[in-house]
Structure formats: C-alpha cells, structure tokens
N, C-alpha and C. Protein backbone atom coordinates (compact mmCIF):
# COMPACT_ATOMS: atom_id res chain seq x y z
N UNK A 1 0.79 -1.26 0.10
CA UNK A 1 0.51 0.11 0.02
C UNK A 1 0.93 1.23 0.23
N UNK A 2 0.52 2.34 -0.73
CA UNK A 2 0.95 3.59 -0.90
C UNK A 2 -0.12 4.40 -0.17
N UNK A 3 0.63 5.91 -0.48
CA UNK A 3 -0.50 6.61 0.21
C UNK A 3 -1.69 6.97 -0.97
N UNK A 4 -1.63 6.40 -2.07
CA UNK A 4 -2.65 6.68 -3.33
C UNK A 4 -3.00 5.16 -3.65
N UNK A 5 -2.60 4.14 -3.54
CA UNK A 5 -2.77 2.73 -4.08
C UNK A 5 -2.87 1.63 -3.23
N UNK A 6 -3.70 0.86 -3.07
CA UNK A 6 -3.54 -0.53 -2.27
C UNK A 6 -3.82 -1.55 -3.37
N UNK A 7 -2.67 -2.45 -3.34
CA UNK A 7 -3.07 -3.55 -3.97
C UNK A 7 -2.56 -5.10 -3.39
N UNK A 8 -3.68 -6.22 -3.35
CA UNK A 8 -3.53 -7.09 -3.38
C UNK A 8 -3.58 -8.28 -3.84
N UNK A 9 -2.77 -9.47 -3.45
CA UNK A 9 -2.26 -10.55 -4.60
C UNK A 9 -2.88 -11.71 -3.88
N UNK A 10 -3.47 -12.98 -4.59
CA UNK A 10 -3.66 -14.05 -4.71
C UNK A 10 -3.55 -15.24 -5.54
N UNK A 11 -3.12 -16.28 -5.44
CA UNK A 11 -2.70 -17.18 -6.19
C UNK A 11 -4.24 -17.87 -6.15
N UNK A 12 -5.10 -18.06 -7.20
CA UNK A 12 -6.23 -18.94 -7.74
C UNK A 12 -6.09 -20.41 -8.56
N UNK A 13 -6.53 -21.16 -8.14
CA UNK A 13 -6.29 -22.78 -8.43
C UNK A 13 -7.25 -22.78 -9.96
N UNK A 14 -7.05 -21.98 -10.65
CA UNK A 14 -7.87 -22.19 -12.17
C UNK A 14 -6.92 -21.30 -13.24
N UNK A 15 -7.51 -21.55 -14.38
CA UNK A 15 -6.64 -21.27 -15.18
C UNK A 15 -6.58 -19.60 -15.43
N UNK A 16 -6.06 -18.65 -15.86
CA UNK A 16 -6.52 -17.33 -16.51
C UNK A 16 -7.52 -17.21 -17.36
N UNK A 17 -7.88 -18.26 -18.16
CA UNK A 17 -9.03 -17.95 -19.04
C UNK A 17 -10.24 -18.15 -17.98
N UNK A 18 -10.53 -18.93 -17.19
CA UNK A 18 -11.42 -18.88 -16.18
C UNK A 18 -11.60 -17.99 -15.42
N UNK A 19 -10.42 -17.60 -14.75
CA UNK A 19 -10.61 -16.14 -13.99
C UNK A 19 -10.84 -14.81 -14.83
N UNK A 20 -10.36 -14.92 -16.06
CA UNK A 20 -10.86 -13.97 -16.98
C UNK A 20 -12.22 -13.60 -17.44
N UNK A 21 -12.76 -14.93 -17.50
CA UNK A 21 -14.28 -15.19 -17.84
C UNK A 21 -15.18 -14.70 -16.95
N UNK A 22 -15.01 -14.83 -15.22
CA UNK A 22 -15.51 -13.96 -14.47
C UNK A 22 -15.31 -12.82 -14.37
N UNK A 23 -14.14 -12.42 -14.24
CA UNK A 23 -13.79 -10.25 -14.46
C UNK A 23 -14.30 -9.30 -15.05
N UNK A 24 -14.26 -10.41 -16.55
CA UNK A 24 -14.95 -9.39 -17.66
C UNK A 24 -16.38 -9.25 -17.97
N UNK A 25 -17.08 -10.15 -16.98
CA UNK A 25 -18.72 -9.77 -16.70
C UNK A 25 -19.07 -9.32 -15.90
N UNK A 26 -19.65 -7.97 -16.13
CA UNK A 26 -19.97 -7.03 -14.77
C UNK A 26 -21.22 -7.76 -14.33
N UNK A 27 -21.87 -8.25 -14.83
CA UNK A 27 -23.07 -9.35 -14.04
C UNK A 27 -22.40 -9.95 -13.07
N UNK A 28 -21.05 -10.35 -12.89
CA UNK A 28 -20.72 -10.98 -11.73
C UNK A 28 -20.20 -10.19 -10.62
N UNK A 29 -19.68 -8.94 -10.88
CA UNK A 29 -18.93 -7.82 -10.06
C UNK A 29 -19.94 -7.90 -8.70
N UNK A 30 -20.86 -7.75 -8.72
CA UNK A 30 -21.68 -7.50 -7.45
C UNK A 30 -21.15 -9.17 -6.16
N UNK A 31 -21.54 -10.13 -6.93
CA UNK A 31 -20.70 -11.25 -6.07
C UNK A 31 -19.59 -11.14 -5.85
N UNK A 32 -18.86 -10.34 -6.33
CA UNK A 32 -17.17 -10.23 -6.15
C UNK A 32 -16.89 -9.24 -5.02
N UNK A 33 -17.77 -8.37 -5.08
CA UNK A 33 -17.49 -7.25 -4.16
C UNK A 33 -17.67 -7.58 -2.74
N UNK A 34 -16.53 -7.12 -2.04
CA UNK A 34 -16.46 -7.00 -0.39
C UNK A 34 -16.80 -5.77 0.09
N UNK A 35 -16.83 -4.89 -0.19
CA UNK A 35 -16.92 -3.57 0.35
C UNK A 35 -18.62 -3.14 0.31
N UNK A 36 -19.50 -3.83 -0.09
CA UNK A 36 -20.56 -3.89 -0.10
C UNK A 36 -21.38 -2.74 -0.64
N UNK A 37 -20.58 -1.52 -1.47
CA UNK A 37 -21.18 -0.69 -2.77
C UNK A 37 -21.60 -1.21 -3.59
N UNK A 38 -21.52 -2.24 -4.31
CA UNK A 38 -21.93 -3.03 -5.72
C UNK A 38 -23.02 -3.33 -5.51
N UNK A 39 -24.03 -3.22 -6.10
CA UNK A 39 -25.74 -3.42 -5.68
C UNK A 39 -25.85 -4.33 -7.27
N UNK A 40 -25.32 -3.92 -8.35
CA UNK A 40 -25.44 -4.88 -9.28
C UNK A 40 -25.33 -4.09 -10.87
N UNK A 41 -25.43 -5.05 -11.81
CA UNK A 41 -25.04 -4.77 -13.33
C UNK A 41 -26.44 -4.35 -13.61
N UNK A 42 -26.48 -2.72 -14.71
CA UNK A 42 -27.23 -2.44 -15.54
C UNK A 42 -26.77 -2.78 -16.96
N UNK A 43 -27.70 -4.20 -17.45
CA UNK A 43 -27.28 -4.94 -18.70
C UNK A 43 -26.19 -4.56 -19.45
N UNK A 44 -25.43 -4.32 -18.61
CA UNK A 44 -24.08 -4.63 -19.65
C UNK A 44 -23.29 -5.46 -20.43
N UNK A 45 -22.79 -5.31 -21.11
CA UNK A 45 -22.40 -6.45 -22.22
C UNK A 45 -20.86 -6.84 -21.76
N UNK A 46 -20.48 -8.10 -21.83
CA UNK A 46 -19.30 -8.72 -21.34
C UNK A 46 -18.23 -7.48 -21.86
N UNK A 47 -17.49 -7.10 -21.32
CA UNK A 47 -15.84 -6.06 -21.40
C UNK A 47 -15.17 -7.09 -22.70
N UNK A 48 -14.89 -6.10 -23.42
CA UNK A 48 -14.21 -6.73 -24.60
C UNK A 48 -13.22 -5.93 -25.44
N UNK A 49 -12.82 -4.78 -24.81
CA UNK A 49 -11.96 -3.76 -24.98
C UNK A 49 -11.70 -2.37 -24.55
N UNK A 50 -10.77 -1.41 -24.82
CA UNK A 50 -10.58 -0.71 -24.16
C UNK A 50 -11.42 0.41 -24.93
N UNK A 51 -12.14 1.25 -24.02
CA UNK A 51 -13.21 2.13 -24.56
C UNK A 51 -14.25 1.41 -24.17
N UNK A 52 -14.58 0.30 -23.80
CA UNK A 52 -16.40 0.11 -23.13
C UNK A 52 -16.46 0.21 -22.02
N UNK A 53 -17.71 0.91 -22.14
CA UNK A 53 -18.48 1.16 -20.69
C UNK A 53 -19.22 0.67 -20.29
N UNK A 54 -19.29 0.26 -18.79
CA UNK A 54 -20.23 -0.47 -18.30
C UNK A 54 -20.66 0.11 -16.73
N UNK A 55 -22.00 -0.06 -16.60
CA UNK A 55 -22.91 0.78 -15.89
C UNK A 55 -23.11 -0.15 -14.75
N UNK A 56 -23.38 0.15 -13.44
CA UNK A 56 -23.59 -0.18 -11.85
C UNK A 56 -24.54 0.19 -10.89
N UNK A 57 -25.60 -0.50 -10.29
CA UNK A 57 -26.07 0.34 -9.68
C UNK A 57 -25.36 0.11 -8.36
N UNK A 58 -25.22 1.02 -7.56
CA UNK A 58 -24.42 1.06 -6.41
C UNK A 58 -24.86 1.69 -5.12
N UNK A 59 -24.70 1.44 -4.06
CA UNK A 59 -25.01 2.20 -2.74
C UNK A 59 -24.31 2.44 -1.64
N UNK A 60 -24.25 3.70 -1.02
CA UNK A 60 -22.76 4.04 0.07
C UNK A 60 -23.37 5.42 0.43
N UNK A 61 -22.74 5.21 1.79
CA UNK A 61 -23.49 6.78 2.73
C UNK A 61 -22.18 8.02 1.95
N UNK A 62 -21.36 7.55 1.50
CA UNK A 62 -20.86 8.71 0.97
C UNK A 62 -21.31 9.39 -0.50
N UNK A 63 -22.21 8.81 -1.15
CA UNK A 63 -23.04 9.11 -1.91
C UNK A 63 -24.33 9.62 -1.63
N UNK A 64 -24.58 9.34 -0.36
CA UNK A 64 -26.20 9.54 0.02
C UNK A 64 -27.12 8.83 -0.24
N UNK A 65 -26.85 7.36 -0.25
CA UNK A 65 -27.47 6.56 -0.59
C UNK A 65 -27.21 5.52 -2.29
N UNK A 66 -28.09 5.28 -2.60
CA UNK A 66 -27.81 4.26 -3.82
C UNK A 66 -27.67 5.34 -5.18
N UNK A 67 -26.69 5.12 -5.85
CA UNK A 67 -26.56 5.63 -7.21
C UNK A 67 -25.51 4.87 -8.18
N UNK A 68 -25.77 5.31 -9.57
CA UNK A 68 -24.93 4.54 -10.40
C UNK A 68 -23.75 5.09 -10.80
N UNK A 69 -22.68 4.21 -11.43
CA UNK A 69 -21.44 4.50 -11.96
C UNK A 69 -21.47 3.57 -13.30
N UNK A 70 -20.37 4.99 -14.23
CA UNK A 70 -20.12 4.22 -15.31
C UNK A 70 -18.78 3.91 -15.05
N UNK A 71 -18.23 2.94 -15.76
CA UNK A 71 -17.12 2.43 -15.47
C UNK A 71 -16.31 2.31 -17.15
N UNK A 72 -15.30 3.18 -17.22
CA UNK A 72 -14.30 3.21 -18.62
C UNK A 72 -13.61 2.48 -18.64
N UNK A 73 -13.59 1.76 -19.41
CA UNK A 73 -12.61 0.42 -19.86
C UNK A 73 -11.14 1.04 -20.14
N UNK A 74 -9.93 1.15 -19.32
CA UNK A 74 -8.78 1.86 -19.85
C UNK A 74 -7.78 0.62 -20.03
N UNK A 75 -7.91 -0.27 -19.58
CA UNK A 75 -6.68 -1.75 -19.81
C UNK A 75 -7.44 -2.70 -20.26
N UNK A 76 -7.37 -3.21 -21.42
CA UNK A 76 -7.89 -4.98 -21.70
C UNK A 76 -6.65 -5.89 -22.60
N UNK A 77 -6.44 -6.82 -21.87
CA UNK A 77 -5.51 -7.87 -22.73
C UNK A 77 -6.31 -9.22 -22.10
N UNK A 78 -7.01 -9.89 -23.35
CA UNK A 78 -7.44 -11.43 -22.67
C UNK A 78 -6.64 -11.97 -21.95
N UNK A 79 -7.04 -12.59 -20.68
CA UNK A 79 -6.72 -13.54 -19.64
C UNK A 79 -5.29 -13.01 -18.98
N UNK A 80 -5.07 -11.38 -19.35
CA UNK A 80 -3.94 -10.43 -18.48
C UNK A 80 -4.12 -9.43 -17.85
N UNK A 81 -4.93 -8.97 -18.25
CA UNK A 81 -5.55 -7.63 -17.68
C UNK A 81 -6.60 -7.14 -17.83
N UNK A 82 -7.30 -6.08 -16.94
CA UNK A 82 -8.53 -5.33 -16.76
C UNK A 82 -8.36 -4.21 -15.97
N UNK A 83 -8.81 -3.12 -16.41
CA UNK A 83 -8.82 -2.00 -15.88
C UNK A 83 -9.84 -1.09 -16.18
N UNK A 84 -10.43 -0.01 -15.37
CA UNK A 84 -11.17 1.05 -15.71
C UNK A 84 -11.07 1.67 -14.43
N UNK A 85 -11.59 2.75 -15.03
CA UNK A 85 -11.89 4.18 -14.17
C UNK A 85 -13.33 4.41 -14.15
N UNK A 86 -13.61 4.65 -12.56
CA UNK A 86 -14.95 4.54 -12.38
C UNK A 86 -15.36 6.09 -12.26
N UNK A 87 -16.93 6.75 -12.68
CA UNK A 87 -17.32 8.15 -12.85
C UNK A 87 -18.88 7.73 -12.28
N UNK A 88 -19.06 8.77 -11.16
CA UNK A 88 -20.73 8.71 -11.27
C UNK A 88 -21.67 9.18 -12.28
N UNK A 89 -22.43 8.43 -12.84
CA UNK A 89 -23.23 8.01 -14.13
C UNK A 89 -23.15 9.91 -14.72
N UNK A 90 -22.86 9.56 -15.75
CA UNK A 90 -22.89 11.39 -16.72
C UNK A 90 -21.83 12.01 -16.62
N UNK A 91 -20.68 11.80 -15.74
CA UNK A 91 -19.52 12.78 -15.95
C UNK A 91 -18.34 11.56 -16.04
N UNK A 92 -17.50 12.83 -16.39
CA UNK A 92 -15.77 11.90 -16.83
C UNK A 92 -15.33 11.61 -15.40
N UNK A 93 -14.38 10.51 -15.85
CA UNK A 93 -13.69 9.91 -14.36
C UNK A 93 -13.12 11.06 -13.73
N UNK A 94 -13.30 11.02 -12.48
CA UNK A 94 -12.34 12.00 -12.03
C UNK A 94 -10.96 11.36 -11.26
N UNK A 95 -10.53 10.20 -11.70
CA UNK A 95 -9.10 9.91 -11.55
C UNK A 95 -8.99 8.62 -10.77
N UNK A 96 -9.91 7.71 -10.19
CA UNK A 96 -9.48 6.54 -9.76
C UNK A 96 -9.73 5.49 -10.27
N UNK A 97 -9.31 4.37 -10.41
CA UNK A 97 -8.86 3.11 -10.93
C UNK A 97 -9.20 2.02 -10.55
N UNK A 98 -9.32 0.85 -11.23
CA UNK A 98 -9.53 -0.56 -10.71
C UNK A 98 -8.40 -1.24 -11.77
N UNK A 99 -7.63 -1.98 -11.45
CA UNK A 99 -7.02 -3.14 -12.25
C UNK A 99 -6.68 -4.04 -11.79
N UNK A 100 -6.81 -5.15 -12.59
CA UNK A 100 -6.59 -6.52 -12.37
C UNK A 100 -5.74 -7.23 -13.34
N UNK A 101 -4.42 -7.66 -12.92
CA UNK A 101 -3.51 -8.20 -13.62
C UNK A 101 -3.37 -9.80 -13.32
N UNK A 102 -3.59 -10.90 -14.16
CA UNK A 102 -3.78 -11.90 -14.22
C UNK A 102 -2.18 -12.62 -14.47
N UNK A 103 -1.41 -13.41 -13.93
CA UNK A 103 -0.23 -13.82 -14.33
C UNK A 103 -0.66 -15.66 -14.05
N UNK A 104 -0.57 -16.26 -15.49
CA UNK A 104 -0.33 -18.14 -15.07
C UNK A 104 0.73 -18.31 -13.99
N UNK A 105 0.50 -19.18 -13.58
CA UNK A 105 1.20 -20.25 -12.48
C UNK A 105 1.13 -21.62 -13.21
N UNK A 106 1.25 -21.68 -14.65
CA UNK A 106 1.39 -23.04 -14.67
C UNK A 106 -0.62 -22.77 -15.82
N UNK A 107 -0.75 -24.24 -16.01
CA UNK A 107 -1.94 -24.30 -16.92
C UNK A 107 -3.11 -24.01 -15.84
N UNK A 108 -2.88 -24.51 -14.55
CA UNK A 108 -4.13 -24.49 -13.62
C UNK A 108 -4.16 -23.57 -12.32
N UNK A 109 -3.41 -22.51 -12.36
CA UNK A 109 -3.42 -21.43 -11.50
C UNK A 109 -2.94 -19.89 -11.85
N UNK A 110 -3.41 -19.06 -11.09
CA UNK A 110 -3.15 -17.82 -11.79
C UNK A 110 -2.98 -16.80 -10.48
N UNK A 111 -2.05 -16.07 -10.56
CA UNK A 111 -1.87 -15.22 -9.95
C UNK A 111 -2.69 -13.55 -9.94
N UNK A 112 -3.54 -13.47 -9.26
CA UNK A 112 -4.40 -12.36 -9.68
C UNK A 112 -3.77 -10.72 -8.54
N UNK A 113 -3.84 -9.97 -8.86
CA UNK A 113 -3.23 -8.44 -8.23
C UNK A 113 -4.19 -7.79 -8.65
N UNK A 114 -4.74 -6.91 -7.88
CA UNK A 114 -6.10 -6.29 -7.75
C UNK A 114 -5.50 -4.89 -7.23
N UNK A 115 -5.53 -4.00 -8.01
CA UNK A 115 -4.90 -2.49 -7.51
C UNK A 115 -6.22 -1.94 -7.48
N UNK A 116 -6.29 -0.44 -6.16
CA UNK A 116 -7.38 0.28 -6.13
C UNK A 116 -6.29 1.22 -6.03
N UNK A 117 -6.53 2.11 -7.17
CA UNK A 117 -5.78 3.40 -7.01
C UNK A 117 -5.81 4.54 -7.78
N UNK A 118 -6.23 5.46 -6.48
CA UNK A 118 -6.60 6.81 -6.89
C UNK A 118 -5.11 7.87 -6.94
N UNK A 119 -4.07 7.66 -7.48
CA UNK A 119 -2.87 8.27 -7.88
C UNK A 119 -3.35 9.39 -8.44
N UNK A 120 -4.26 9.53 -9.55
CA UNK A 120 -4.74 10.75 -10.49
C UNK A 120 -5.89 11.54 -9.96
N UNK A 121 -6.36 11.32 -8.93
CA UNK A 121 -7.60 12.42 -8.15
C UNK A 121 -6.56 13.26 -7.90
N UNK A 122 -7.09 14.79 -8.75
CA UNK A 122 -6.94 16.35 -8.15
C UNK A 122 -7.35 16.60 -7.53
N UNK A 123 -8.79 16.57 -7.64
CA UNK A 123 -9.88 17.56 -6.91
C UNK A 123 -9.99 17.40 -5.21
N UNK A 124 -9.49 18.41 -4.98
CA UNK A 124 -9.11 18.36 -3.51
C UNK A 124 -10.71 18.40 -2.64
N UNK A 125 -11.58 19.24 -3.16
CA UNK A 125 -13.05 18.88 -2.49
C UNK A 125 -13.45 17.16 -2.54
N UNK A 126 -12.70 16.54 -3.62
CA UNK A 126 -13.49 15.21 -3.92
C UNK A 126 -12.88 14.41 -2.56
N UNK A 127 -11.36 14.58 -3.29
CA UNK A 127 -10.67 13.67 -1.82
C UNK A 127 -11.24 14.16 -0.50
N UNK A 128 -11.34 14.58 -0.01
CA UNK A 128 -11.87 15.14 1.46
C UNK A 128 -13.42 14.44 1.29
N UNK A 129 -14.19 14.82 0.15
CA UNK A 129 -15.58 14.07 0.30
C UNK A 129 -15.69 12.44 0.45
N UNK A 130 -14.62 11.91 -0.34
CA UNK A 130 -14.62 10.34 -0.31
C UNK A 130 -13.96 9.60 0.70
N UNK A 131 -12.73 10.59 0.99
CA UNK A 131 -12.24 10.01 1.86
C UNK A 131 -11.36 8.65 1.60
N UNK A 132 -10.55 8.95 0.94
CA UNK A 132 -9.71 7.62 0.18
C UNK A 132 -9.00 7.27 1.44
N UNK A 133 -8.72 5.96 1.37
CA UNK A 133 -9.22 5.03 0.30
C UNK A 133 -10.28 4.80 1.33
N UNK A 134 -11.70 4.65 -0.34
CA UNK A 134 -13.27 4.17 0.24
C UNK A 134 -13.23 2.69 0.69
N UNK A 135 -12.56 2.04 0.33
CA UNK A 135 -12.31 0.39 -0.03
C UNK A 135 -11.16 0.01 0.83
N UNK A 136 -11.16 -0.73 1.76
CA UNK A 136 -9.77 -1.07 2.80
C UNK A 136 -9.35 -2.04 1.71
N UNK A 137 -7.96 -2.18 2.36
CA UNK A 137 -6.98 -3.51 2.44
C UNK A 137 -7.57 -4.64 2.28
N UNK A 138 -8.00 -4.90 3.59
CA UNK A 138 -8.87 -6.45 3.80
C UNK A 138 -10.07 -6.17 2.86
N UNK A 139 -10.64 -5.47 2.81
CA UNK A 139 -12.32 -5.36 1.55
C UNK A 139 -11.55 -6.16 -0.08
N UNK A 140 -10.41 -5.60 0.06
CA UNK A 140 -9.87 -6.15 -1.30
C UNK A 140 -9.50 -7.34 -1.40
N UNK A 141 -8.75 -7.86 -0.12
CA UNK A 141 -8.30 -9.20 -0.03
C UNK A 141 -9.74 -10.09 -0.06
N UNK A 142 -10.68 -9.52 1.16
CA UNK A 142 -12.05 -10.44 0.96
C UNK A 142 -12.69 -10.64 -0.82
N UNK A 143 -12.33 -9.58 -1.39
CA UNK A 143 -13.06 -9.94 -2.91
C UNK A 143 -12.03 -10.43 -3.48
N UNK A 144 -10.90 -10.86 -3.73
CA UNK A 144 -10.25 -11.74 -4.05
C UNK A 144 -10.64 -13.14 -3.66
N UNK A 145 -11.20 -13.19 -2.53
CA UNK A 145 -11.35 -14.49 -1.66
C UNK A 145 -12.78 -14.99 -2.62
N UNK A 146 -13.65 -13.93 -2.74
CA UNK A 146 -14.81 -14.25 -3.14
C UNK A 146 -14.82 -14.46 -4.65
N UNK A 147 -13.86 -13.52 -5.57
CA UNK A 147 -13.37 -14.31 -6.81
C UNK A 147 -12.74 -15.58 -7.34
N UNK A 148 -12.02 -16.37 -5.84
CA UNK A 148 -11.59 -17.44 -6.12
C UNK A 148 -12.96 -18.40 -6.00
N UNK A 149 -13.83 -18.30 -4.63
CA UNK A 149 -14.98 -19.16 -4.94
C UNK A 149 -16.02 -18.89 -6.12
N UNK A 150 -16.10 -17.64 -7.02
CA UNK A 150 -16.61 -17.61 -7.72
C UNK A 150 -15.97 -18.35 -9.20
N UNK A 151 -14.88 -18.13 -9.06
CA UNK A 151 -14.10 -19.13 -10.25
C UNK A 151 -14.10 -20.78 -9.63
N UNK A 152 -13.69 -21.16 -8.46
CA UNK A 152 -12.99 -22.43 -7.97
C UNK A 152 -14.74 -23.49 -7.46
N UNK A 153 -15.42 -22.49 -7.04
CA UNK A 153 -16.66 -22.84 -6.35
C UNK A 153 -15.96 -23.57 -4.85
N UNK A 154 -14.82 -23.33 -4.47
CA UNK A 154 -14.59 -23.81 -3.22
C UNK A 154 -14.13 -22.30 -2.22
C-alpha cells in the first residue's frame, strides 16, 4: 500500500481464462465485491476492449445512498489485464481506477493482483468528500477470496 494505491494478491487454482471469464462479466461484479457498494449491473455486455463502458447500481453513505457509476475500460488484454476508471453516471472519470492483473502459474493456477489506485485524483474537494481509500485493504483481500469462490466453487 502507498498513500494513493492499494494492491492485493492471491493465487487462484484455475486458469487465467477461467478467472478472466468471471472478471470480464459485469453481471458477476456484485458477487465479487466485498465492500458492499456494488449492488448490480445495469444490462452491460461483457467487457471486450478498451473504451467499453459498463454501468453499475451502487450504494453508499458517501454518495447519500443509492447511485449509479459508469466504468470506462482503460486496460484490456485477454486473460492478462482488465482496468477501468469509475465515474458517477453522466460524468467524466475523476481519476481513480481499478486494475486486475492475471499471471499464469502453469495451466491451472493464476496469480491475481488487484489494485485500487486514486493517484490521479486531483480534486481536493473530492478527496476530502470521499475520504480515500474508500475501500480498505481487507475488503480488497475479501474481494479476491470472493473471486476465488466464484471461479473454483471452493
């Protein structure tokens, strides 16, 4: 962890393709999220390329209850990388992003690195309002455990 970034890592006993299949499907994100903010997907398609945007139903006191986000895909490499910047619906991303990196450990194991990065948030009012990090390291670790469960069933 740095002052503007948290990275967690876990090895999952599944192929990179199986892990990527779950991560690239926004319909699965609510079951992965351990922060309690993600409620569900709003009819998004599978993530297929940089430039895709997927919309999520969210909830959180920091936003006064229920709200929606648009997630702008900034990194995409099949079975290796997914990254997106999150913004309140209808707005440009203010600078934080989520990054998933997958590294094969043979054919049936994948090291997954998940990074929550708010380095590029420069709006001081937003930094104070949100109180970064909004998601803790332990919640990110629990998200990796949820991903493990979603992929392997154990």
